[in-house]
Amino acid sequence: MKRYCFALDLINDEELIRNYIEYHKIVWPEIIESLQESGILKAEIYHVDDRLFLIMDTNASFTLEKKGKMDAENPIVQKWEEIMWKYQKALPNAKPGEKWVQMNRIFQL
């Protein structure tokens, strides 16, 4: 199993942040299915102010490249991502078009 951690910001607006959280209380079943099919075993999103952290535990078959390809070919995932962009903003160091920026572990106990 491999763990990936990512960060992303939300647009700093209380109503938009509330709406984003509401979407994640009722994630579309097709999105859940897509995550599982890509090899994600467990995923959690944490929130503080306008910052998000995503932690994913994956199986041996998971790669970021495979997930990206699957997402690009799935119209429902593309629709979800289009909706989510209304609430999200890229981190200052993100590459063009990049949303979630992978984090590096600096400590482990």
Protein backbone atom coordinates (compact mmCIF):
# COMPACT_ATOMS: atom_id res chain seq x y z
CA MET A 1 0.00 0.00 0.00
CA LYS A 2 1.22 3.49 -0.82
CA ARG A 3 0.01 6.77 0.68
CA TYR A 4 -0.31 10.02 -1.24
CA CYS A 5 -0.99 13.42 0.33
CA PHE A 6 -2.10 16.51 -1.55
CA ALA A 7 -3.04 20.13 -0.79
CA LEU A 8 -5.44 22.49 -2.53
CA ASP A 9 -7.05 25.80 -1.66
CA LEU A 10 -10.67 26.83 -1.84
CA ILE A 11 -11.89 30.23 -2.91
CA ASN A 12 -12.01 32.12 0.36
CA ASP A 13 -15.77 32.68 0.54
CA GLU A 14 -17.83 31.21 3.40
CA GLU A 15 -20.83 30.31 1.25
CA LEU A 16 -18.70 28.65 -1.44
CA ILE A 17 -16.81 26.68 1.19
CA ARG A 18 -20.10 25.52 2.76
CA ASN A 19 -21.35 24.43 -0.67
CA TYR A 20 -18.12 22.55 -1.37
CA ILE A 21 -18.44 20.69 1.93
CA GLU A 22 -22.07 19.84 1.14
CA TYR A 23 -21.04 18.31 -2.20
CA HIS A 24 -18.63 16.06 -0.32
CA LYS A 25 -21.35 14.81 2.01
CA ILE A 26 -23.11 13.32 -1.03
CA VAL A 27 -20.34 12.45 -3.49
CA TRP A 28 -21.80 11.00 -6.66
CA PRO A 29 -21.66 7.18 -6.69
CA GLU A 30 -19.88 7.26 -10.07
CA ILE A 31 -17.07 9.29 -8.49
CA ILE A 32 -16.72 6.79 -5.65
CA GLU A 33 -16.67 3.97 -8.21
CA SER A 34 -14.01 5.74 -10.27
CA LEU A 35 -11.80 6.26 -7.21
CA GLN A 36 -12.07 2.60 -6.27
CA GLU A 37 -11.46 1.37 -9.82
CA SER A 38 -8.25 3.41 -10.00
CA GLY A 39 -6.81 1.55 -7.00
CA ILE A 40 -7.64 3.99 -4.21
CA LEU A 41 -8.45 1.99 -1.10
CA LYS A 42 -9.14 4.90 1.24
CA ALA A 43 -9.38 8.65 0.73
CA GLU A 44 -9.95 11.43 3.23
CA ILE A 45 -10.17 15.19 2.74
CA TYR A 46 -9.43 17.50 5.66
CA HIS A 47 -10.38 21.16 5.75
CA VAL A 48 -9.15 24.22 7.63
CA ASP A 49 -10.14 27.76 6.61
CA ASP A 50 -9.68 27.78 2.82
CA ARG A 51 -7.13 24.94 2.66
CA LEU A 52 -7.78 21.26 1.91
CA PHE A 53 -5.62 18.20 2.50
CA LEU A 54 -6.28 14.93 0.69
CA ILE A 55 -4.83 11.67 1.99
CA MET A 56 -5.14 8.56 -0.20
CA ASP A 57 -4.09 5.01 0.53
CA THR A 58 -3.73 3.00 -2.66
CA ASN A 59 -3.14 -0.55 -3.80
CA ALA A 60 -0.11 -1.75 -5.78
CA SER A 61 -1.80 -1.15 -9.15
CA PHE A 62 -2.41 2.56 -8.54
CA THR A 63 -0.40 5.22 -10.35
CA LEU A 64 -1.09 8.92 -10.71
CA GLU A 65 -0.71 8.54 -14.47
CA LYS A 66 -3.32 5.75 -14.61
CA LYS A 67 -5.72 7.81 -12.47
CA GLY A 68 -5.25 10.86 -14.69
CA LYS A 69 -5.94 8.85 -17.83
CA MET A 70 -9.04 7.25 -16.32
CA ASP A 71 -10.34 10.65 -15.22
CA ALA A 72 -9.73 12.22 -18.63
CA GLU A 73 -11.74 9.44 -20.30
CA ASN A 74 -14.68 9.56 -17.87
CA PRO A 75 -17.31 12.23 -18.72
CA ILE A 76 -18.92 12.01 -15.27
CA VAL A 77 -15.58 12.62 -13.54
CA GLN A 78 -14.98 15.53 -15.92
CA LYS A 79 -18.38 17.03 -15.00
CA TRP A 80 -17.61 16.63 -11.27
CA GLU A 81 -14.23 18.31 -11.74
CA GLU A 82 -15.85 21.16 -13.68
CA ILE A 83 -18.25 21.76 -10.79
CA MET A 84 -15.48 21.52 -8.18
CA TRP A 85 -13.36 24.15 -9.99
CA LYS A 86 -16.08 26.68 -9.09
CA TYR A 87 -14.95 26.31 -5.47
CA GLN A 88 -11.26 25.49 -5.79
CA LYS A 89 -8.21 27.57 -6.56
CA ALA A 90 -4.79 26.26 -7.35
CA LEU A 91 -1.94 26.72 -4.91
CA PRO A 92 0.52 29.47 -5.94
CA ASN A 93 3.17 26.89 -6.91
CA ALA A 94 0.79 24.68 -8.94
CA LYS A 95 1.56 23.99 -12.58
CA PRO A 96 -0.95 25.28 -15.16
CA GLY A 97 -4.13 23.18 -14.93
CA GLU A 98 -2.93 21.40 -11.78
CA LYS A 99 -5.34 21.25 -8.88
CA TRP A 100 -4.17 19.05 -6.06
CA VAL A 101 -0.43 19.49 -5.38
CA GLN A 102 1.38 16.46 -4.01
CA MET A 103 2.95 17.00 -0.60
CA ASN A 104 6.23 15.54 0.66
CA ARG A 105 6.43 13.87 4.04
CA ILE A 106 8.96 15.57 6.31
CA PHE A 107 8.30 13.67 9.54
CA GLN A 108 7.03 10.28 10.59
CA LEU A 109 6.61 8.78 14.08
